[in-house]
């Protein structure tokens, strides 16, 4: 298990609701959350070791959000 962190532009609960189905369906993601109180809107993902950060970035991009691995 590894923890991946991303700077995002996910700003509110509505944004989180938009990405929830896609994030929940990603194979290898155990748990995820977005700290919308943080100025960088940090997405923290608990994932299996073989999950590619690029997959998370592309999944968010498909929903109209940006993510940058920290």
PDB file of N, CA and C in Angstrom:
ATOM      1  N   UNK A   1       0.851  -1.174   0.000  1.00  0.00           N
ATOM      2  CA  UNK A   1       0.000   0.000   0.000  1.00  0.00           C
ATOM      3  C   UNK A   1       0.894   1.235   0.000  1.00  0.00           C
ATOM      4  N   UNK A   2       0.504   2.207  -0.798  1.00  0.00           N
ATOM      5  CA  UNK A   2       1.241   3.458  -0.812  1.00  0.00           C
ATOM      6  C   UNK A   2       0.272   4.622  -0.763  1.00  0.00           C
ATOM      7  N   UNK A   3       0.781   5.776  -0.349  1.00  0.00           N
ATOM      8  CA  UNK A   3      -0.009   6.996  -0.304  1.00  0.00           C
ATOM      9  C   UNK A   3       0.489   7.927  -1.393  1.00  0.00           C
ATOM     10  N   UNK A   4      -0.434   8.350  -2.247  1.00  0.00           N
ATOM     11  CA  UNK A   4      -0.122   9.296  -3.312  1.00  0.00           C
ATOM     12  C   UNK A   4      -0.808  10.613  -2.992  1.00  0.00           C
ATOM     13  N   UNK A   5      -0.114  11.718  -3.244  1.00  0.00           N
ATOM     14  CA  UNK A   5      -0.691  13.041  -2.994  1.00  0.00           C
ATOM     15  C   UNK A   5      -0.610  13.865  -4.266  1.00  0.00           C
ATOM     16  N   UNK A   6      -1.681  14.633  -4.496  1.00  0.00           N
ATOM     17  CA  UNK A   6      -1.781  15.455  -5.689  1.00  0.00           C
ATOM     18  C   UNK A   6      -2.313  16.834  -5.331  1.00  0.00           C
ATOM     19  N   UNK A   7      -1.773  17.849  -5.977  1.00  0.00           N
ATOM     20  CA  UNK A   7      -2.337  19.192  -5.928  1.00  0.00           C
ATOM     21  C   UNK A   7      -3.425  19.222  -6.995  1.00  0.00           C
ATOM     22  N   UNK A   8      -4.632  19.678  -6.629  1.00  0.00           N
ATOM     23  CA  UNK A   8      -5.749  19.660  -7.576  1.00  0.00           C
ATOM     24  C   UNK A   8      -6.470  21.007  -7.601  1.00  0.00           C
ATOM     25  N   UNK A   9      -7.476  21.093  -8.461  1.00  0.00           N
ATOM     26  CA  UNK A   9      -8.377  22.247  -8.461  1.00  0.00           C
ATOM     27  C   UNK A   9      -9.799  21.803  -8.101  1.00  0.00           C
ATOM     28  N   UNK A  10      -9.900  20.766  -7.279  1.00  0.00           N
ATOM     29  CA  UNK A  10     -11.190  20.286  -6.767  1.00  0.00           C
ATOM     30  C   UNK A  10     -11.532  21.161  -5.562  1.00  0.00           C
ATOM     31  N   UNK A  11     -12.518  22.048  -5.716  1.00  0.00           N
ATOM     32  CA  UNK A  11     -12.725  23.117  -4.743  1.00  0.00           C
ATOM     33  C   UNK A  11     -13.824  22.896  -3.716  1.00  0.00           C
ATOM     34  N   UNK A  12     -14.809  22.029  -4.029  1.00  0.00           N
ATOM     35  CA  UNK A  12     -15.980  21.970  -3.152  1.00  0.00           C
ATOM     36  C   UNK A  12     -16.607  20.577  -3.162  1.00  0.00           C
ATOM     37  N   UNK A  13     -17.646  20.428  -2.378  1.00  0.00           N
ATOM     38  CA  UNK A  13     -18.353  19.160  -2.310  1.00  0.00           C
ATOM     39  C   UNK A  13     -18.956  18.746  -3.639  1.00  0.00           C
ATOM     40  N   UNK A  14     -19.406  19.718  -4.415  1.00  0.00           N
ATOM     41  CA  UNK A  14     -19.952  19.414  -5.737  1.00  0.00           C
ATOM     42  C   UNK A  14     -18.893  18.845  -6.660  1.00  0.00           C
ATOM     43  N   UNK A  15     -17.693  19.410  -6.570  1.00  0.00           N
ATOM     44  CA  UNK A  15     -16.571  18.900  -7.369  1.00  0.00           C
ATOM     45  C   UNK A  15     -16.240  17.469  -6.948  1.00  0.00           C
ATOM     46  N   UNK A  16     -16.223  17.239  -5.651  1.00  0.00           N
ATOM     47  CA  UNK A  16     -15.930  15.899  -5.139  1.00  0.00           C
ATOM     48  C   UNK A  16     -16.991  14.915  -5.629  1.00  0.00           C
ATOM     49  N   UNK A  17     -18.252  15.336  -5.609  1.00  0.00           N
ATOM     50  CA  UNK A  17     -19.332  14.466  -6.082  1.00  0.00           C
ATOM     51  C   UNK A  17     -19.153  14.118  -7.558  1.00  0.00           C
ATOM     52  N   UNK A  18     -18.623  15.054  -8.336  1.00  0.00           N
ATOM     53  CA  UNK A  18     -18.406  14.815  -9.763  1.00  0.00           C
ATOM     54  C   UNK A  18     -17.366  13.725 -10.000  1.00  0.00           C
ATOM     55  N   UNK A  19     -16.299  13.721  -9.211  1.00  0.00           N
ATOM     56  CA  UNK A  19     -15.214  12.758  -9.435  1.00  0.00           C
ATOM     57  C   UNK A  19     -15.391  11.449  -8.660  1.00  0.00           C
ATOM     58  N   UNK A  20     -16.303  11.418  -7.697  1.00  0.00           N
ATOM     59  CA  UNK A  20     -16.460  10.241  -6.841  1.00  0.00           C
ATOM     60  C   UNK A  20     -16.691   8.940  -7.609  1.00  0.00           C
ATOM     61  N   UNK A  21     -17.640   8.870  -8.550  1.00  0.00           N
ATOM     62  CA  UNK A  21     -17.837   7.582  -9.240  1.00  0.00           C
ATOM     63  C   UNK A  21     -16.570   7.092  -9.948  1.00  0.00           C
ATOM     64  N   UNK A  22     -15.867   7.994 -10.601  1.00  0.00           N
ATOM     65  CA  UNK A  22     -14.652   7.600 -11.327  1.00  0.00           C
ATOM     66  C   UNK A  22     -13.545   7.168 -10.376  1.00  0.00           C
ATOM     67  N   UNK A  23     -13.354   7.909  -9.292  1.00  0.00           N
ATOM     68  CA  UNK A  23     -12.308   7.555  -8.331  1.00  0.00           C
ATOM     69  C   UNK A  23     -12.639   6.235  -7.641  1.00  0.00           C
ATOM     70  N   UNK A  24     -13.900   6.032  -7.307  1.00  0.00           N
ATOM     71  CA  UNK A  24     -14.296   4.793  -6.631  1.00  0.00           C
ATOM     72  C   UNK A  24     -14.154   3.576  -7.536  1.00  0.00           C
ATOM     73  N   UNK A  25     -14.221   3.784  -8.840  1.00  0.00           N
ATOM     74  CA  UNK A  25     -14.122   2.671  -9.786  1.00  0.00           C
ATOM     75  C   UNK A  25     -12.696   2.368 -10.226  1.00  0.00           C
ATOM     76  N   UNK A  26     -11.731   3.179  -9.808  1.00  0.00           N
ATOM     77  CA  UNK A  26     -10.340   2.922 -10.198  1.00  0.00           C
ATOM     78  C   UNK A  26      -9.821   1.688  -9.471  1.00  0.00           C
ATOM     79  N   UNK A  27      -9.371   0.721 -10.231  1.00  0.00           N
ATOM     80  CA  UNK A  27      -8.817  -0.499  -9.643  1.00  0.00           C
ATOM     81  C   UNK A  27      -7.517  -0.155  -8.920  1.00  0.00           C
ATOM     82  N   UNK A  28      -7.411  -0.572  -7.678  1.00  0.00           N
ATOM     83  CA  UNK A  28      -6.211  -0.328  -6.897  1.00  0.00           C
ATOM     84  C   UNK A  28      -6.356   0.792  -5.885  1.00  0.00           C
ATOM     85  N   UNK A  29      -7.403   1.604  -6.001  1.00  0.00           N
ATOM     86  CA  UNK A  29      -7.638   2.680  -5.034  1.00  0.00           C
ATOM     87  C   UNK A  29      -8.402   2.097  -3.852  1.00  0.00           C
ATOM     88  N   UNK A  30      -7.811   2.208  -2.663  1.00  0.00           N
ATOM     89  CA  UNK A  30      -8.444   1.696  -1.450  1.00  0.00           C
ATOM     90  C   UNK A  30      -9.280   2.784  -0.776  1.00  0.00           C
ATOM     91  N   UNK A  31      -8.736   4.002  -0.745  1.00  0.00           N
ATOM     92  CA  UNK A  31      -9.382   5.119  -0.057  1.00  0.00           C
ATOM     93  C   UNK A  31      -8.833   6.402  -0.657  1.00  0.00           C
ATOM     94  N   UNK A  32      -9.661   7.433  -0.711  1.00  0.00           N
ATOM     95  CA  UNK A  32      -9.184   8.726  -1.194  1.00  0.00           C
ATOM     96  C   UNK A  32      -9.983   9.839  -0.529  1.00  0.00           C
ATOM     97  N   UNK A  33      -9.367  11.015  -0.455  1.00  0.00           N
ATOM     98  CA  UNK A  33     -10.047  12.186   0.096  1.00  0.00           C
ATOM     99  C   UNK A  33      -9.383  13.446  -0.430  1.00  0.00           C
ATOM    100  N   UNK A  34     -10.156  14.526  -0.459  1.00  0.00           N
ATOM    101  CA  UNK A  34      -9.639  15.822  -0.896  1.00  0.00           C
ATOM    102  C   UNK A  34      -9.753  16.781   0.275  1.00  0.00           C
ATOM    103  N   UNK A  35      -8.656  17.464   0.587  1.00  0.00           N
ATOM    104  CA  UNK A  35      -8.648  18.490   1.629  1.00  0.00           C
ATOM    105  C   UNK A  35      -8.963  19.825   0.957  1.00  0.00           C
ATOM    106  N   UNK A  36     -10.253  20.175   0.903  1.00  0.00           N
ATOM    107  CA  UNK A  36     -10.649  21.417   0.235  1.00  0.00           C
ATOM    108  C   UNK A  36     -10.299  22.649   1.064  1.00  0.00           C
ATOM    109  N   UNK A  37      -9.950  22.467   2.337  1.00  0.00           N
ATOM    110  CA  UNK A  37      -9.535  23.596   3.165  1.00  0.00           C
ATOM    111  C   UNK A  37      -8.097  24.007   2.863  1.00  0.00           C
ATOM    112  N   UNK A  38      -7.308  23.101   2.325  1.00  0.00           N
ATOM    113  CA  UNK A  38      -5.924  23.394   1.957  1.00  0.00           C
ATOM    114  C   UNK A  38      -5.930  24.239   0.684  1.00  0.00           C
ATOM    115  N   UNK A  39      -5.111  25.288   0.624  1.00  0.00           N
ATOM    116  CA  UNK A  39      -5.080  26.131  -0.584  1.00  0.00           C
ATOM    117  C   UNK A  39      -4.741  25.349  -1.855  1.00  0.00           C
ATOM    118  N   UNK A  40      -4.004  24.246  -1.726  1.00  0.00           N
ATOM    119  CA  UNK A  40      -3.629  23.435  -2.887  1.00  0.00           C
ATOM    120  C   UNK A  40      -4.618  22.303  -3.159  1.00  0.00           C
ATOM    121  N   UNK A  41      -5.723  22.246  -2.377  1.00  0.00           N
ATOM    122  CA  UNK A  41      -6.781  21.240  -2.590  1.00  0.00           C
ATOM    123  C   UNK A  41      -6.180  19.844  -2.753  1.00  0.00           C
ATOM    124  N   UNK A  42      -5.484  19.395  -1.718  1.00  0.00           N
ATOM    125  CA  UNK A  42      -4.703  18.162  -1.775  1.00  0.00           C
ATOM    126  C   UNK A  42      -5.596  16.918  -1.809  1.00  0.00           C
ATOM    127  N   UNK A  43      -5.378  16.116  -2.854  1.00  0.00           N
ATOM    128  CA  UNK A  43      -6.010  14.807  -2.989  1.00  0.00           C
ATOM    129  C   UNK A  43      -5.033  13.778  -2.443  1.00  0.00           C
ATOM    130  N   UNK A  44      -5.468  13.003  -1.450  1.00  0.00           N
ATOM    131  CA  UNK A  44      -4.661  11.929  -0.887  1.00  0.00           C
ATOM    132  C   UNK A  44      -5.313  10.606  -1.268  1.00  0.00           C
ATOM    133  N   UNK A  45      -4.523   9.722  -1.864  1.00  0.00           N
ATOM    134  CA  UNK A  45      -5.033   8.436  -2.330  1.00  0.00           C
ATOM    135  C   UNK A  45      -4.239   7.318  -1.671  1.00  0.00           C
ATOM    136  N   UNK A  46      -4.947   6.419  -0.984  1.00  0.00           N
ATOM    137  CA  UNK A  46      -4.346   5.190  -0.478  1.00  0.00           C
ATOM    138  C   UNK A  46      -4.550   4.152  -1.573  1.00  0.00           C
ATOM    139  N   UNK A  47      -3.455   3.623  -2.103  1.00  0.00           N
ATOM    140  CA  UNK A  47      -3.562   2.751  -3.270  1.00  0.00           C
ATOM    141  C   UNK A  47      -2.610   1.574  -3.178  1.00  0.00           C
ATOM    142  N   UNK A  48      -2.912   0.560  -3.978  1.00  0.00           N
ATOM    143  CA  UNK A  48      -1.994  -0.556  -4.110  1.00  0.00           C
ATOM    144  C   UNK A  48      -0.744  -0.058  -4.826  1.00  0.00           C
ATOM    145  N   UNK A  49       0.371  -0.717  -4.559  1.00  0.00           N
ATOM    146  CA  UNK A  49       1.669  -0.248  -5.048  1.00  0.00           C
ATOM    147  C   UNK A  49       1.783  -0.166  -6.562  1.00  0.00           C
ATOM    148  N   UNK A  50       0.952  -0.895  -7.293  1.00  0.00           N
ATOM    149  CA  UNK A  50       1.090  -0.896  -8.747  1.00  0.00           C
ATOM    150  C   UNK A  50       0.192   0.124  -9.449  1.00  0.00           C
ATOM    151  N   UNK A  51      -0.488   0.982  -8.686  1.00  0.00           N
ATOM    152  CA  UNK A  51      -1.354   1.992  -9.291  1.00  0.00           C
ATOM    153  C   UNK A  51      -0.515   3.157  -9.809  1.00  0.00           C
ATOM    154  N   UNK A  52      -0.718   3.503 -11.050  1.00  0.00           N
ATOM    155  CA  UNK A  52       0.031   4.578 -11.690  1.00  0.00           C
ATOM    156  C   UNK A  52      -0.557   5.943 -11.325  1.00  0.00           C
ATOM    157  N   UNK A  53       0.276   6.878 -10.858  1.00  0.00           N
ATOM    158  CA  UNK A  53      -0.213   8.238 -10.598  1.00  0.00           C
ATOM    159  C   UNK A  53      -0.822   8.868 -11.851  1.00  0.00           C
ATOM    160  N   UNK A  54      -0.285   8.518 -13.014  1.00  0.00           N
ATOM    161  CA  UNK A  54      -0.795   9.070 -14.269  1.00  0.00           C
ATOM    162  C   UNK A  54      -2.248   8.653 -14.511  1.00  0.00           C
ATOM    163  N   UNK A  55      -2.625   7.470 -14.033  1.00  0.00           N
ATOM    164  CA  UNK A  55      -4.006   7.015 -14.179  1.00  0.00           C
ATOM    165  C   UNK A  55      -4.954   7.914 -13.383  1.00  0.00           C
ATOM    166  N   UNK A  56      -4.554   8.288 -12.189  1.00  0.00           N
ATOM    167  CA  UNK A  56      -5.372   9.185 -11.370  1.00  0.00           C
ATOM    168  C   UNK A  56      -5.468  10.550 -12.042  1.00  0.00           C
ATOM    169  N   UNK A  57      -4.342  11.060 -12.521  1.00  0.00           N
ATOM    170  CA  UNK A  57      -4.322  12.363 -13.190  1.00  0.00           C
ATOM    171  C   UNK A  57      -5.237  12.350 -14.413  1.00  0.00           C
ATOM    172  N   UNK A  58      -5.151  11.313 -15.218  1.00  0.00           N
ATOM    173  CA  UNK A  58      -5.982  11.254 -16.430  1.00  0.00           C
ATOM    174  C   UNK A  58      -7.460  11.068 -16.089  1.00  0.00           C
ATOM    175  N   UNK A  59      -7.752  10.333 -15.029  1.00  0.00           N
ATOM    176  CA  UNK A  59      -9.140  10.149 -14.601  1.00  0.00           C
ATOM    177  C   UNK A  59      -9.752  11.482 -14.195  1.00  0.00           C
ATOM    178  N   UNK A  60      -9.010  12.279 -13.444  1.00  0.00           N
ATOM    179  CA  UNK A  60      -9.516  13.589 -13.035  1.00  0.00           C
ATOM    180  C   UNK A  60      -9.639  14.522 -14.234  1.00  0.00           C
ATOM    181  N   UNK A  61      -8.679  14.451 -15.143  1.00  0.00           N
ATOM    182  CA  UNK A  61      -8.710  15.303 -16.334  1.00  0.00           C
ATOM    183  C   UNK A  61      -9.958  15.023 -17.167  1.00  0.00           C
ATOM    184  N   UNK A  62     -10.346  13.752 -17.271  1.00  0.00           N
ATOM    185  CA  UNK A  62     -11.562  13.382 -18.007  1.00  0.00           C
ATOM    186  C   UNK A  62     -12.803  14.039 -17.418  1.00  0.00           C
ATOM    187  N   UNK A  63     -12.770  14.324 -16.125  1.00  0.00           N
ATOM    188  CA  UNK A  63     -13.896  14.964 -15.445  1.00  0.00           C
ATOM    189  C   UNK A  63     -13.756  16.486 -15.399  1.00  0.00           C
ATOM    190  N   UNK A  64     -12.675  17.011 -15.990  1.00  0.00           N
ATOM    191  CA  UNK A  64     -12.502  18.456 -16.069  1.00  0.00           C
ATOM    192  C   UNK A  64     -11.661  19.061 -14.959  1.00  0.00           C
ATOM    193  N   UNK A  65     -10.909  18.237 -14.247  1.00  0.00           N
ATOM    194  CA  UNK A  65     -10.086  18.723 -13.138  1.00  0.00           C
ATOM    195  C   UNK A  65      -8.615  18.479 -13.411  1.00  0.00           C
ATOM    196  N   UNK A  66      -7.792  19.311 -12.791  1.00  0.00           N
ATOM    197  CA  UNK A  66      -6.347  19.191 -12.941  1.00  0.00           C
ATOM    198  C   UNK A  66      -5.777  18.532 -11.693  1.00  0.00           C
ATOM    199  N   UNK A  67      -4.680  17.813 -11.876  1.00  0.00           N
ATOM    200  CA  UNK A  67      -3.971  17.208 -10.748  1.00  0.00           C
ATOM    201  C   UNK A  67      -2.489  17.164 -11.077  1.00  0.00           C
ATOM    202  N   UNK A  68      -1.694  17.446 -10.061  1.00  0.00           N
ATOM    203  CA  UNK A  68      -0.237  17.421 -10.202  1.00  0.00           C
ATOM    204  C   UNK A  68       0.316  16.613  -9.041  1.00  0.00           C
ATOM    205  N   UNK A  69       1.086  15.574  -9.334  1.00  0.00           N
ATOM    206  CA  UNK A  69       1.633  14.724  -8.273  1.00  0.00           C
ATOM    207  C   UNK A  69       2.608  15.516  -7.418  1.00  0.00           C
ATOM    208  N   UNK A  70       2.482  15.349  -6.111  1.00  0.00           N
ATOM    209  CA  UNK A  70       3.401  16.011  -5.168  1.00  0.00           C
ATOM    210  C   UNK A  70       4.441  15.023  -4.690  1.00  0.00           C
TER     211      UNK A  70
END
